[in-house]
Amino acid sequence: MNSNPAEIGQRIKEARKAAKLSQTELAGQLEKTLRTVQKYESGEIEPSIATINSIAKILNVSPAELIGYKKQEIRLDTLSDVLFVLNEINKKAGLRFDIDVRRPPNHDDWTCALRFDGNDPNAEFNSSLCLFLEQYAIERLRLETYFTSQEYFDHWFERELAYYADAPLKDKEIEVLSDIERIKRRNELDRQMLEEKKKAAEENGDQ
C-alpha cells in the first residue's frame, strides 16, 4: 500500500477508542504483541492489507475507512448516468475495453459486452480488473442464490475497495492532430488491416 502509515495508524487509534478497546485488548484479538499494535498506531510500521481487514472486523469499521479511501458518491438515476460513467472509464490510461455487439440477423442472440484483455501490455490495470470481476461474479452468484448475506457481500466489497485504493488512475493524454496527420494515421491503419486480412486469407488457403 502507498497510504501514509502515520495516517493509517491514527485512524486505527481513533477506531479502537470508539470501540472502547485498549491496545492490549486489540493486540490479544489480533494475536499480535502490544508493541506491534503500538507501532501500527504510531505509524512506525504499516499493517498489511490482511491485518487491516482483521483490525476492521474487530473494530466494526470498514477496511476502506482505515485505509482512508473515501467512496465516491455516484448516483445512477438514469441510463445517461451509466453511459457517463462508461465514458469516464474510457478516458483513463491503464484501462482499455473492447466492445462486442451481437444482434440479428448476423447472430441468433442480441447481446453486448465490454471485454477487458488481462494480457494487454498497454493497459496495466486490466489484469487487476479481470481478477476482481472473476471474484465479483462468484460473490454475486453466492448472494443471489442465498449462500451468503448482503452483509457478507458488502464486507467483501469493502475489503476489495481497501485493497485497490492505492491503484491511482491517470487520464489519457489527448493527442491534438491536424486533419492531414489524422488522415495519414487513418490510412496507415487501413493498410495494416488489409495486410492482416491478406495474411489470414493466405494462411486459410494453405490449410
N, C-alpha and C. Protein backbone atom coordinates (compact mmCIF):
# COMPACT_ATOMS: atom_id res chain seq x y z
N MET A 1 0.84 -1.20 0.00
CA MET A 1 0.00 0.00 0.00
C MET A 1 0.87 1.24 0.00
N ASN A 2 0.36 2.30 -0.56
CA ASN A 2 1.10 3.56 -0.61
C ASN A 2 0.53 4.60 0.34
N SER A 3 -0.43 4.20 1.19
CA SER A 3 -1.02 5.14 2.13
C SER A 3 0.00 5.55 3.18
N ASN A 4 -0.20 6.71 3.78
CA ASN A 4 0.69 7.19 4.82
C ASN A 4 0.50 6.36 6.09
N PRO A 5 1.54 5.63 6.55
CA PRO A 5 1.40 4.77 7.73
C PRO A 5 0.94 5.53 8.97
N ALA A 6 1.41 6.78 9.12
CA ALA A 6 1.02 7.57 10.29
C ALA A 6 -0.48 7.87 10.27
N GLU A 7 -1.01 8.15 9.09
CA GLU A 7 -2.44 8.44 8.97
C GLU A 7 -3.28 7.19 9.21
N ILE A 8 -2.80 6.06 8.68
CA ILE A 8 -3.50 4.80 8.93
C ILE A 8 -3.49 4.50 10.42
N GLY A 9 -2.34 4.70 11.04
CA GLY A 9 -2.21 4.46 12.48
C GLY A 9 -3.17 5.31 13.29
N GLN A 10 -3.31 6.57 12.91
CA GLN A 10 -4.21 7.47 13.62
C GLN A 10 -5.65 7.01 13.49
N ARG A 11 -6.02 6.54 12.29
CA ARG A 11 -7.38 6.06 12.09
C ARG A 11 -7.64 4.79 12.89
N ILE A 12 -6.63 3.91 12.98
CA ILE A 12 -6.77 2.71 13.80
C ILE A 12 -6.97 3.10 15.26
N LYS A 13 -6.19 4.05 15.72
CA LYS A 13 -6.28 4.51 17.11
C LYS A 13 -7.66 5.07 17.42
N GLU A 14 -8.16 5.91 16.51
CA GLU A 14 -9.48 6.52 16.72
C GLU A 14 -10.59 5.47 16.70
N ALA A 15 -10.48 4.50 15.79
CA ALA A 15 -11.49 3.45 15.71
C ALA A 15 -11.43 2.55 16.94
N ARG A 16 -10.22 2.29 17.42
CA ARG A 16 -10.07 1.46 18.62
C ARG A 16 -10.70 2.14 19.83
N LYS A 17 -10.46 3.42 19.96
CA LYS A 17 -11.04 4.15 21.09
C LYS A 17 -12.56 4.20 20.99
N ALA A 18 -13.06 4.38 19.76
CA ALA A 18 -14.51 4.40 19.57
C ALA A 18 -15.13 3.06 19.93
N ALA A 19 -14.36 1.98 19.72
CA ALA A 19 -14.84 0.64 20.05
C ALA A 19 -14.61 0.30 21.52
N LYS A 20 -13.99 1.27 22.25
CA LYS A 20 -13.74 1.10 23.68
C LYS A 20 -12.85 -0.13 23.96
N LEU A 21 -11.80 -0.26 23.15
CA LEU A 21 -10.82 -1.32 23.35
C LEU A 21 -9.47 -0.71 23.69
N SER A 22 -8.74 -1.36 24.57
CA SER A 22 -7.38 -0.91 24.86
C SER A 22 -6.44 -1.51 23.82
N GLN A 23 -5.24 -0.98 23.77
CA GLN A 23 -4.25 -1.54 22.85
C GLN A 23 -3.96 -3.00 23.19
N THR A 24 -3.95 -3.32 24.47
CA THR A 24 -3.71 -4.70 24.90
C THR A 24 -4.83 -5.62 24.42
N GLU A 25 -6.07 -5.15 24.51
CA GLU A 25 -7.21 -5.97 24.08
C GLU A 25 -7.18 -6.17 22.57
N LEU A 26 -6.85 -5.11 21.84
CA LEU A 26 -6.77 -5.24 20.38
C LEU A 26 -5.64 -6.20 20.00
N ALA A 27 -4.52 -6.08 20.68
CA ALA A 27 -3.39 -6.97 20.40
C ALA A 27 -3.78 -8.43 20.64
N GLY A 28 -4.52 -8.66 21.72
CA GLY A 28 -4.93 -10.02 22.04
C GLY A 28 -5.82 -10.61 20.97
N GLN A 29 -6.78 -9.82 20.50
CA GLN A 29 -7.70 -10.33 19.48
C GLN A 29 -7.01 -10.51 18.13
N LEU A 30 -5.99 -9.69 17.88
CA LEU A 30 -5.23 -9.82 16.64
C LEU A 30 -4.17 -10.92 16.72
N GLU A 31 -3.91 -11.38 17.96
CA GLU A 31 -2.83 -12.34 18.21
C GLU A 31 -1.48 -11.72 17.83
N LYS A 32 -1.35 -10.44 18.18
CA LYS A 32 -0.10 -9.71 17.98
C LYS A 32 0.40 -9.24 19.35
N THR A 33 1.64 -8.78 19.39
CA THR A 33 2.15 -8.23 20.65
C THR A 33 1.63 -6.81 20.84
N LEU A 34 1.63 -6.37 22.07
CA LEU A 34 1.22 -5.00 22.38
C LEU A 34 2.11 -4.02 21.64
N ARG A 35 3.41 -4.30 21.58
CA ARG A 35 4.34 -3.39 20.90
C ARG A 35 4.02 -3.26 19.42
N THR A 36 3.58 -4.35 18.81
CA THR A 36 3.23 -4.30 17.38
C THR A 36 2.05 -3.37 17.15
N VAL A 37 1.03 -3.48 18.01
CA VAL A 37 -0.13 -2.60 17.89
C VAL A 37 0.28 -1.15 18.11
N GLN A 38 1.15 -0.93 19.06
CA GLN A 38 1.64 0.42 19.31
C GLN A 38 2.36 0.98 18.08
N LYS A 39 3.12 0.12 17.39
CA LYS A 39 3.83 0.56 16.18
C LYS A 39 2.85 0.83 15.04
N TYR A 40 1.77 0.04 14.97
CA TYR A 40 0.73 0.32 13.97
C TYR A 40 0.17 1.72 14.18
N GLU A 41 -0.18 2.01 15.42
CA GLU A 41 -0.86 3.27 15.72
C GLU A 41 0.08 4.47 15.62
N SER A 42 1.35 4.26 15.88
CA SER A 42 2.30 5.37 15.79
C SER A 42 2.78 5.59 14.36
N GLY A 43 2.51 4.62 13.49
CA GLY A 43 2.96 4.73 12.11
C GLY A 43 4.38 4.22 11.89
N GLU A 44 4.96 3.57 12.91
CA GLU A 44 6.31 3.03 12.76
C GLU A 44 6.34 1.91 11.73
N ILE A 45 5.29 1.11 11.72
CA ILE A 45 5.18 0.07 10.71
C ILE A 45 3.77 0.13 10.10
N GLU A 46 3.69 -0.26 8.85
CA GLU A 46 2.41 -0.22 8.15
C GLU A 46 1.80 -1.61 8.12
N PRO A 47 0.60 -1.78 8.64
CA PRO A 47 -0.03 -3.10 8.62
C PRO A 47 -0.34 -3.56 7.21
N SER A 48 -0.25 -4.86 6.98
CA SER A 48 -0.59 -5.42 5.67
C SER A 48 -2.09 -5.30 5.45
N ILE A 49 -2.52 -5.51 4.22
CA ILE A 49 -3.95 -5.41 3.93
C ILE A 49 -4.72 -6.49 4.69
N ALA A 50 -4.09 -7.67 4.89
CA ALA A 50 -4.74 -8.73 5.66
C ALA A 50 -4.94 -8.29 7.10
N THR A 51 -3.94 -7.62 7.66
CA THR A 51 -4.05 -7.12 9.04
C THR A 51 -5.09 -6.01 9.12
N ILE A 52 -5.11 -5.13 8.12
CA ILE A 52 -6.13 -4.07 8.06
C ILE A 52 -7.52 -4.69 8.11
N ASN A 53 -7.71 -5.76 7.32
CA ASN A 53 -9.01 -6.44 7.30
C ASN A 53 -9.37 -7.00 8.67
N SER A 54 -8.39 -7.59 9.35
CA SER A 54 -8.63 -8.16 10.68
C SER A 54 -8.97 -7.07 11.70
N ILE A 55 -8.21 -5.97 11.66
CA ILE A 55 -8.47 -4.87 12.58
C ILE A 55 -9.86 -4.28 12.33
N ALA A 56 -10.19 -4.10 11.06
CA ALA A 56 -11.50 -3.54 10.71
C ALA A 56 -12.64 -4.41 11.24
N LYS A 57 -12.48 -5.72 11.13
CA LYS A 57 -13.51 -6.64 11.61
C LYS A 57 -13.67 -6.54 13.12
N ILE A 58 -12.56 -6.47 13.83
CA ILE A 58 -12.60 -6.38 15.30
C ILE A 58 -13.22 -5.06 15.74
N LEU A 59 -12.88 -3.97 15.06
CA LEU A 59 -13.34 -2.64 15.46
C LEU A 59 -14.67 -2.25 14.82
N ASN A 60 -15.20 -3.16 14.01
CA ASN A 60 -16.52 -2.95 13.37
C ASN A 60 -16.52 -1.70 12.49
N VAL A 61 -15.47 -1.56 11.69
CA VAL A 61 -15.40 -0.49 10.70
C VAL A 61 -15.02 -1.14 9.37
N SER A 62 -15.09 -0.38 8.29
CA SER A 62 -14.71 -0.94 7.00
C SER A 62 -13.20 -0.82 6.80
N PRO A 63 -12.58 -1.77 6.11
CA PRO A 63 -11.15 -1.66 5.81
C PRO A 63 -10.85 -0.38 5.03
N ALA A 64 -11.74 -0.01 4.12
CA ALA A 64 -11.53 1.20 3.32
C ALA A 64 -11.45 2.43 4.21
N GLU A 65 -12.23 2.41 5.29
CA GLU A 65 -12.21 3.55 6.22
C GLU A 65 -10.85 3.68 6.90
N LEU A 66 -10.25 2.56 7.27
CA LEU A 66 -8.93 2.59 7.91
C LEU A 66 -7.86 3.01 6.92
N ILE A 67 -7.99 2.58 5.68
CA ILE A 67 -7.03 2.96 4.64
C ILE A 67 -7.12 4.46 4.35
N GLY A 68 -8.34 4.99 4.50
CA GLY A 68 -8.55 6.40 4.21
C GLY A 68 -9.17 6.62 2.84
N TYR A 69 -9.66 5.54 2.24
CA TYR A 69 -10.32 5.67 0.95
C TYR A 69 -11.72 6.21 1.14
N LYS A 70 -12.04 7.25 0.44
CA LYS A 70 -13.37 7.85 0.52
C LYS A 70 -14.16 7.45 -0.72
N LYS A 71 -15.21 6.68 -0.51
CA LYS A 71 -16.03 6.25 -1.64
C LYS A 71 -16.70 7.44 -2.31
N GLN A 72 -16.67 7.41 -3.63
CA GLN A 72 -17.32 8.47 -4.39
C GLN A 72 -18.84 8.30 -4.32
N GLU A 73 -19.53 9.39 -4.14
CA GLU A 73 -20.99 9.35 -4.13
C GLU A 73 -21.49 9.48 -5.57
N ILE A 74 -21.69 8.35 -6.20
CA ILE A 74 -22.13 8.33 -7.58
C ILE A 74 -23.59 7.90 -7.63
N ARG A 75 -24.44 8.76 -8.11
CA ARG A 75 -25.86 8.43 -8.24
C ARG A 75 -26.15 8.05 -9.69
N LEU A 76 -26.73 6.88 -9.85
CA LEU A 76 -27.11 6.40 -11.17
C LEU A 76 -28.63 6.38 -11.24
N ASP A 77 -29.19 7.52 -11.58
CA ASP A 77 -30.65 7.66 -11.62
C ASP A 77 -31.22 7.39 -13.00
N THR A 78 -30.41 7.55 -14.02
CA THR A 78 -30.89 7.34 -15.39
C THR A 78 -29.85 6.55 -16.17
N LEU A 79 -30.25 6.05 -17.32
CA LEU A 79 -29.30 5.35 -18.17
C LEU A 79 -28.20 6.30 -18.64
N SER A 80 -28.51 7.56 -18.76
CA SER A 80 -27.50 8.55 -19.13
C SER A 80 -26.36 8.58 -18.12
N ASP A 81 -26.69 8.41 -16.84
CA ASP A 81 -25.66 8.39 -15.81
C ASP A 81 -24.71 7.21 -16.00
N VAL A 82 -25.26 6.07 -16.37
CA VAL A 82 -24.44 4.88 -16.61
C VAL A 82 -23.53 5.11 -17.81
N LEU A 83 -24.08 5.71 -18.86
CA LEU A 83 -23.28 5.99 -20.06
C LEU A 83 -22.16 6.98 -19.75
N PHE A 84 -22.44 7.93 -18.87
CA PHE A 84 -21.42 8.90 -18.48
C PHE A 84 -20.26 8.20 -17.78
N VAL A 85 -20.58 7.28 -16.84
CA VAL A 85 -19.53 6.54 -16.13
C VAL A 85 -18.71 5.71 -17.11
N LEU A 86 -19.38 5.09 -18.07
CA LEU A 86 -18.69 4.29 -19.08
C LEU A 86 -17.68 5.14 -19.85
N ASN A 87 -18.08 6.33 -20.22
CA ASN A 87 -17.18 7.22 -20.96
C ASN A 87 -16.03 7.71 -20.08
N GLU A 88 -16.27 7.87 -18.79
CA GLU A 88 -15.20 8.27 -17.87
C GLU A 88 -14.15 7.17 -17.77
N ILE A 89 -14.59 5.90 -17.77
CA ILE A 89 -13.64 4.79 -17.76
C ILE A 89 -12.78 4.83 -19.01
N ASN A 90 -13.40 5.15 -20.12
CA ASN A 90 -12.68 5.19 -21.40
C ASN A 90 -11.62 6.29 -21.43
N LYS A 91 -11.75 7.28 -20.57
CA LYS A 91 -10.78 8.38 -20.54
C LYS A 91 -9.53 8.05 -19.74
N LYS A 92 -9.53 6.93 -19.04
CA LYS A 92 -8.43 6.61 -18.14
C LYS A 92 -7.35 5.77 -18.80
N ALA A 93 -6.11 6.16 -18.55
CA ALA A 93 -4.98 5.36 -19.01
C ALA A 93 -4.87 4.14 -18.09
N GLY A 94 -4.35 3.05 -18.62
CA GLY A 94 -4.19 1.84 -17.81
C GLY A 94 -5.37 0.90 -17.88
N LEU A 95 -6.48 1.37 -18.44
CA LEU A 95 -7.66 0.53 -18.64
C LEU A 95 -8.10 0.66 -20.09
N ARG A 96 -8.43 -0.47 -20.69
CA ARG A 96 -8.96 -0.42 -22.04
C ARG A 96 -9.93 -1.58 -22.25
N PHE A 97 -11.09 -1.27 -22.82
CA PHE A 97 -12.05 -2.33 -23.09
C PHE A 97 -12.43 -2.35 -24.56
N ASP A 98 -12.68 -3.57 -25.05
CA ASP A 98 -13.24 -3.75 -26.38
C ASP A 98 -14.74 -3.90 -26.23
N ILE A 99 -15.47 -3.61 -27.28
CA ILE A 99 -16.93 -3.69 -27.24
C ILE A 99 -17.39 -4.73 -28.25
N ASP A 100 -18.13 -5.71 -27.77
CA ASP A 100 -18.64 -6.78 -28.62
C ASP A 100 -20.16 -6.70 -28.66
N VAL A 101 -20.70 -6.46 -29.84
CA VAL A 101 -22.16 -6.38 -30.01
C VAL A 101 -22.61 -7.47 -30.98
N ARG A 102 -23.56 -8.24 -30.58
CA ARG A 102 -24.13 -9.29 -31.43
C ARG A 102 -25.64 -9.08 -31.52
N ARG A 103 -26.14 -9.05 -32.75
CA ARG A 103 -27.57 -8.86 -32.93
C ARG A 103 -28.03 -9.47 -34.26
N PRO A 104 -29.30 -9.82 -34.32
CA PRO A 104 -29.84 -10.35 -35.58
C PRO A 104 -29.71 -9.30 -36.67
N PRO A 105 -29.59 -9.67 -37.94
CA PRO A 105 -29.70 -11.05 -38.45
C PRO A 105 -28.40 -11.82 -38.48
N ASN A 106 -27.28 -11.19 -38.09
CA ASN A 106 -25.98 -11.88 -38.16
C ASN A 106 -25.77 -12.87 -37.02
N HIS A 107 -26.54 -12.71 -35.94
CA HIS A 107 -26.44 -13.60 -34.78
C HIS A 107 -27.84 -13.95 -34.30
N ASP A 108 -27.93 -15.10 -33.64
CA ASP A 108 -29.23 -15.52 -33.10
C ASP A 108 -29.61 -14.69 -31.89
N ASP A 109 -28.62 -14.31 -31.10
CA ASP A 109 -28.91 -13.55 -29.87
C ASP A 109 -28.62 -12.06 -30.09
N TRP A 110 -29.07 -11.26 -29.14
CA TRP A 110 -28.80 -9.82 -29.16
C TRP A 110 -28.15 -9.47 -27.83
N THR A 111 -26.85 -9.38 -27.84
CA THR A 111 -26.09 -9.12 -26.62
C THR A 111 -25.01 -8.08 -26.88
N CYS A 112 -24.53 -7.50 -25.81
CA CYS A 112 -23.37 -6.61 -25.91
C CYS A 112 -22.51 -6.86 -24.68
N ALA A 113 -21.21 -6.69 -24.85
CA ALA A 113 -20.29 -6.96 -23.74
C ALA A 113 -19.09 -6.04 -23.83
N LEU A 114 -18.56 -5.69 -22.66
CA LEU A 114 -17.30 -4.97 -22.58
C LEU A 114 -16.23 -6.01 -22.25
N ARG A 115 -15.17 -6.02 -23.02
CA ARG A 115 -14.13 -7.04 -22.84
C ARG A 115 -12.81 -6.37 -22.47
N PHE A 116 -12.31 -6.72 -21.29
CA PHE A 116 -11.03 -6.21 -20.82
C PHE A 116 -9.98 -7.32 -20.99
N ASP A 117 -9.00 -7.08 -21.81
CA ASP A 117 -7.95 -8.07 -22.05
C ASP A 117 -6.93 -8.00 -20.92
N GLY A 118 -6.87 -9.04 -20.10
CA GLY A 118 -5.96 -9.06 -18.97
C GLY A 118 -4.50 -9.13 -19.36
N ASN A 119 -4.22 -9.45 -20.63
CA ASN A 119 -2.84 -9.54 -21.10
C ASN A 119 -2.43 -8.34 -21.95
N ASP A 120 -3.28 -7.32 -21.99
CA ASP A 120 -2.98 -6.14 -22.80
C ASP A 120 -1.79 -5.39 -22.18
N PRO A 121 -0.64 -5.33 -22.89
CA PRO A 121 0.54 -4.67 -22.31
C PRO A 121 0.37 -3.16 -22.19
N ASN A 122 -0.61 -2.60 -22.88
CA ASN A 122 -0.82 -1.16 -22.83
C ASN A 122 -1.90 -0.74 -21.84
N ALA A 123 -2.41 -1.71 -21.09
CA ALA A 123 -3.46 -1.42 -20.10
C ALA A 123 -3.10 -2.13 -18.80
N GLU A 124 -2.29 -1.47 -17.98
CA GLU A 124 -1.69 -2.12 -16.81
C GLU A 124 -2.70 -2.57 -15.77
N PHE A 125 -3.88 -1.93 -15.72
CA PHE A 125 -4.86 -2.30 -14.70
C PHE A 125 -5.89 -3.32 -15.18
N ASN A 126 -5.83 -3.70 -16.46
CA ASN A 126 -6.79 -4.67 -16.98
C ASN A 126 -6.74 -5.99 -16.23
N SER A 127 -5.53 -6.47 -15.92
CA SER A 127 -5.40 -7.76 -15.25
C SER A 127 -6.02 -7.71 -13.85
N SER A 128 -5.81 -6.60 -13.14
CA SER A 128 -6.41 -6.46 -11.81
C SER A 128 -7.93 -6.44 -11.89
N LEU A 129 -8.43 -5.73 -12.90
CA LEU A 129 -9.88 -5.66 -13.06
C LEU A 129 -10.45 -7.02 -13.41
N CYS A 130 -9.74 -7.78 -14.23
CA CYS A 130 -10.21 -9.13 -14.59
C CYS A 130 -10.25 -10.03 -13.35
N LEU A 131 -9.23 -9.93 -12.52
CA LEU A 131 -9.21 -10.73 -11.29
C LEU A 131 -10.37 -10.35 -10.37
N PHE A 132 -10.61 -9.04 -10.26
CA PHE A 132 -11.71 -8.59 -9.41
C PHE A 132 -13.05 -9.07 -9.95
N LEU A 133 -13.28 -8.92 -11.26
CA LEU A 133 -14.56 -9.30 -11.84
C LEU A 133 -14.79 -10.80 -11.75
N GLU A 134 -13.71 -11.57 -11.83
CA GLU A 134 -13.84 -13.02 -11.66
C GLU A 134 -14.41 -13.35 -10.29
N GLN A 135 -13.85 -12.72 -9.25
CA GLN A 135 -14.33 -12.97 -7.90
C GLN A 135 -15.68 -12.32 -7.66
N TYR A 136 -15.91 -11.17 -8.29
CA TYR A 136 -17.19 -10.48 -8.15
C TYR A 136 -18.32 -11.37 -8.67
N ALA A 137 -18.09 -12.03 -9.80
CA ALA A 137 -19.11 -12.92 -10.36
C ALA A 137 -19.44 -14.04 -9.39
N ILE A 138 -18.40 -14.56 -8.73
CA ILE A 138 -18.61 -15.65 -7.76
C ILE A 138 -19.41 -15.15 -6.57
N GLU A 139 -18.99 -14.01 -6.00
CA GLU A 139 -19.65 -13.49 -4.81
C GLU A 139 -21.08 -13.05 -5.11
N ARG A 140 -21.30 -12.48 -6.28
CA ARG A 140 -22.66 -12.07 -6.65
C ARG A 140 -23.57 -13.29 -6.80
N LEU A 141 -23.05 -14.35 -7.41
CA LEU A 141 -23.85 -15.57 -7.55
C LEU A 141 -24.18 -16.16 -6.19
N ARG A 142 -23.20 -16.16 -5.29
CA ARG A 142 -23.44 -16.68 -3.93
C ARG A 142 -24.51 -15.86 -3.21
N LEU A 143 -24.51 -14.55 -3.47
CA LEU A 143 -25.52 -13.69 -2.86
C LEU A 143 -26.89 -13.97 -3.47
N GLU A 144 -26.95 -14.07 -4.79
CA GLU A 144 -28.23 -14.25 -5.47
C GLU A 144 -28.84 -15.63 -5.24
N THR A 145 -28.00 -16.60 -4.90
CA THR A 145 -28.50 -17.95 -4.65
C THR A 145 -28.60 -18.26 -3.15
N TYR A 146 -28.49 -17.21 -2.32
CA TYR A 146 -28.75 -17.28 -0.88
C TYR A 146 -27.70 -18.09 -0.10
N PHE A 147 -26.50 -18.24 -0.66
CA PHE A 147 -25.43 -18.88 0.09
C PHE A 147 -24.82 -17.91 1.09
N THR A 148 -24.86 -16.60 0.76
CA THR A 148 -24.31 -15.59 1.66
C THR A 148 -25.32 -14.46 1.81
N SER A 149 -25.05 -13.60 2.77
CA SER A 149 -25.95 -12.48 3.05
C SER A 149 -25.46 -11.21 2.38
N GLN A 150 -26.33 -10.22 2.32
CA GLN A 150 -25.94 -8.92 1.79
C GLN A 150 -24.83 -8.32 2.65
N GLU A 151 -24.90 -8.56 3.95
CA GLU A 151 -23.88 -8.04 4.85
C GLU A 151 -22.51 -8.63 4.51
N TYR A 152 -22.47 -9.93 4.25
CA TYR A 152 -21.20 -10.57 3.89
C TYR A 152 -20.68 -10.00 2.57
N PHE A 153 -21.58 -9.85 1.59
CA PHE A 153 -21.17 -9.32 0.28
C PHE A 153 -20.61 -7.91 0.43
N ASP A 154 -21.30 -7.08 1.20
CA ASP A 154 -20.83 -5.70 1.40
C ASP A 154 -19.47 -5.68 2.08
N HIS A 155 -19.27 -6.59 3.04
CA HIS A 155 -17.99 -6.65 3.76
C HIS A 155 -16.88 -7.08 2.80
N TRP A 156 -17.17 -8.06 1.94
CA TRP A 156 -16.18 -8.48 0.94
C TRP A 156 -15.85 -7.32 0.02
N PHE A 157 -16.85 -6.59 -0.43
CA PHE A 157 -16.64 -5.49 -1.35
C PHE A 157 -15.80 -4.39 -0.70
N GLU A 158 -16.04 -4.12 0.58
CA GLU A 158 -15.26 -3.11 1.29
C GLU A 158 -13.79 -3.52 1.35
N ARG A 159 -13.52 -4.80 1.54
CA ARG A 159 -12.14 -5.29 1.55
C ARG A 159 -11.47 -5.05 0.19
N GLU A 160 -12.24 -5.29 -0.87
CA GLU A 160 -11.69 -5.07 -2.21
C GLU A 160 -11.39 -3.59 -2.45
N LEU A 161 -12.28 -2.72 -1.98
CA LEU A 161 -12.04 -1.29 -2.12
C LEU A 161 -10.75 -0.88 -1.43
N ALA A 162 -10.54 -1.43 -0.24
CA ALA A 162 -9.33 -1.10 0.50
C ALA A 162 -8.09 -1.60 -0.23
N TYR A 163 -8.18 -2.77 -0.81
CA TYR A 163 -7.03 -3.37 -1.48
C TYR A 163 -6.60 -2.55 -2.70
N TYR A 164 -7.58 -2.05 -3.45
CA TYR A 164 -7.26 -1.33 -4.68
C TYR A 164 -7.23 0.19 -4.50
N ALA A 165 -7.32 0.65 -3.27
CA ALA A 165 -7.37 2.10 -3.03
C ALA A 165 -6.09 2.81 -3.45
N ASP A 166 -4.98 2.07 -3.50
CA ASP A 166 -3.70 2.68 -3.86
C ASP A 166 -3.30 2.35 -5.28
N ALA A 167 -4.29 2.19 -6.15
CA ALA A 167 -4.02 1.98 -7.58
C ALA A 167 -4.57 3.17 -8.35
N PRO A 168 -3.83 4.29 -8.36
CA PRO A 168 -4.34 5.53 -8.94
C PRO A 168 -4.45 5.47 -10.47
N LEU A 169 -5.52 6.00 -10.99
CA LEU A 169 -5.72 6.09 -12.43
C LEU A 169 -5.33 7.49 -12.91
N LYS A 170 -4.76 7.52 -14.09
CA LYS A 170 -4.40 8.79 -14.71
C LYS A 170 -5.23 8.98 -15.98
N ASP A 171 -5.47 10.22 -16.31
CA ASP A 171 -6.21 10.50 -17.55
C ASP A 171 -5.32 10.22 -18.76
N LYS A 172 -5.96 9.76 -19.82
CA LYS A 172 -5.22 9.55 -21.06
C LYS A 172 -4.73 10.90 -21.59
N GLU A 173 -3.58 10.85 -22.23
CA GLU A 173 -3.09 12.05 -22.90
C GLU A 173 -3.80 12.18 -24.24
N ILE A 174 -4.40 13.32 -24.46
CA ILE A 174 -5.16 13.54 -25.69
C ILE A 174 -4.25 14.16 -26.75
N GLU A 175 -4.14 13.47 -27.88
CA GLU A 175 -3.33 13.99 -28.97
C GLU A 175 -4.12 15.03 -29.77
N VAL A 176 -3.48 16.11 -30.06
CA VAL A 176 -4.09 17.13 -30.92
C VAL A 176 -3.46 16.99 -32.30
N LEU A 177 -4.23 16.49 -33.25
CA LEU A 177 -3.71 16.22 -34.59
C LEU A 177 -4.33 17.15 -35.62
N SER A 178 -3.53 17.50 -36.60
CA SER A 178 -4.08 18.24 -37.74
C SER A 178 -4.87 17.26 -38.59
N ASP A 179 -5.71 17.79 -39.46
CA ASP A 179 -6.50 16.91 -40.33
C ASP A 179 -5.59 16.07 -41.21
N ILE A 180 -4.51 16.65 -41.66
CA ILE A 180 -3.58 15.92 -42.53
C ILE A 180 -2.96 14.74 -41.78
N GLU A 181 -2.48 14.99 -40.55
CA GLU A 181 -1.86 13.93 -39.76
C GLU A 181 -2.88 12.86 -39.40
N ARG A 182 -4.08 13.27 -39.07
CA ARG A 182 -5.13 12.30 -38.73
C ARG A 182 -5.43 11.38 -39.91
N ILE A 183 -5.51 11.96 -41.13
CA ILE A 183 -5.79 11.16 -42.32
C ILE A 183 -4.63 10.21 -42.62
N LYS A 184 -3.39 10.68 -42.41
CA LYS A 184 -2.23 9.82 -42.62
C LYS A 184 -2.28 8.61 -41.69
N ARG A 185 -2.63 8.85 -40.44
CA ARG A 185 -2.69 7.74 -39.49
C ARG A 185 -3.84 6.80 -39.83
N ARG A 186 -4.96 7.36 -40.29
CA ARG A 186 -6.10 6.54 -40.68
C ARG A 186 -5.72 5.63 -41.86
N ASN A 187 -5.02 6.20 -42.83
CA ASN A 187 -4.58 5.43 -43.99
C ASN A 187 -3.60 4.32 -43.60
N GLU A 188 -2.73 4.62 -42.63
CA GLU A 188 -1.78 3.61 -42.17
C GLU A 188 -2.50 2.45 -41.48
N LEU A 189 -3.51 2.77 -40.68
CA LEU A 189 -4.30 1.72 -40.03
C LEU A 189 -5.03 0.87 -41.07
N ASP A 190 -5.57 1.52 -42.10
CA ASP A 190 -6.26 0.78 -43.16
C ASP A 190 -5.28 -0.17 -43.86
N ARG A 191 -4.07 0.32 -44.12
CA ARG A 191 -3.06 -0.51 -44.77
C ARG A 191 -2.72 -1.74 -43.92
N GLN A 192 -2.55 -1.51 -42.61
CA GLN A 192 -2.23 -2.62 -41.71
C GLN A 192 -3.37 -3.64 -41.66
N MET A 193 -4.60 -3.16 -41.64
CA MET A 193 -5.75 -4.06 -41.59
C MET A 193 -5.83 -4.90 -42.87
N LEU A 194 -5.56 -4.28 -44.02
CA LEU A 194 -5.60 -5.01 -45.29
C LEU A 194 -4.51 -6.09 -45.32
N GLU A 195 -3.33 -5.76 -44.80
CA GLU A 195 -2.25 -6.73 -44.76
C GLU A 195 -2.60 -7.91 -43.86
N GLU A 196 -3.22 -7.61 -42.71
CA GLU A 196 -3.62 -8.68 -41.80
C GLU A 196 -4.67 -9.59 -42.44
N LYS A 197 -5.64 -8.99 -43.15
CA LYS A 197 -6.67 -9.79 -43.83
C LYS A 197 -6.06 -10.64 -44.93
N LYS A 198 -5.11 -10.06 -45.67
CA LYS A 198 -4.45 -10.80 -46.74
C LYS A 198 -3.66 -11.97 -46.18
N LYS A 199 -2.95 -11.72 -45.07
CA LYS A 199 -2.16 -12.77 -44.44
C LYS A 199 -3.06 -13.89 -43.93
N ALA A 200 -4.20 -13.51 -43.32
CA ALA A 200 -5.12 -14.51 -42.80
C ALA A 200 -5.72 -15.33 -43.93
N ALA A 201 -6.01 -14.67 -45.04
CA ALA A 201 -6.59 -15.38 -46.19
C ALA A 201 -5.59 -16.37 -46.76
N GLU A 202 -4.31 -15.97 -46.83
CA GLU A 202 -3.27 -16.87 -47.34
C GLU A 202 -3.08 -18.07 -46.42
N GLU A 203 -3.12 -17.83 -45.10
CA GLU A 203 -2.97 -18.93 -44.16
C GLU A 203 -4.13 -19.91 -44.25
N ASN A 204 -5.33 -19.38 -44.41
CA ASN A 204 -6.51 -20.24 -44.53
C ASN A 204 -6.46 -21.04 -45.84
N GLY A 205 -5.89 -20.44 -46.88
CA GLY A 205 -5.80 -21.12 -48.16
C GLY A 205 -4.80 -22.26 -48.14
N ASP A 206 -3.80 -22.15 -47.26
CA ASP A 206 -2.77 -23.20 -47.15
C ASP A 206 -3.28 -24.39 -46.38
N GLN A 207 -4.32 -24.22 -45.57
CA GLN A 207 -4.81 -25.30 -44.72
C GLN A 207 -5.68 -26.26 -45.52
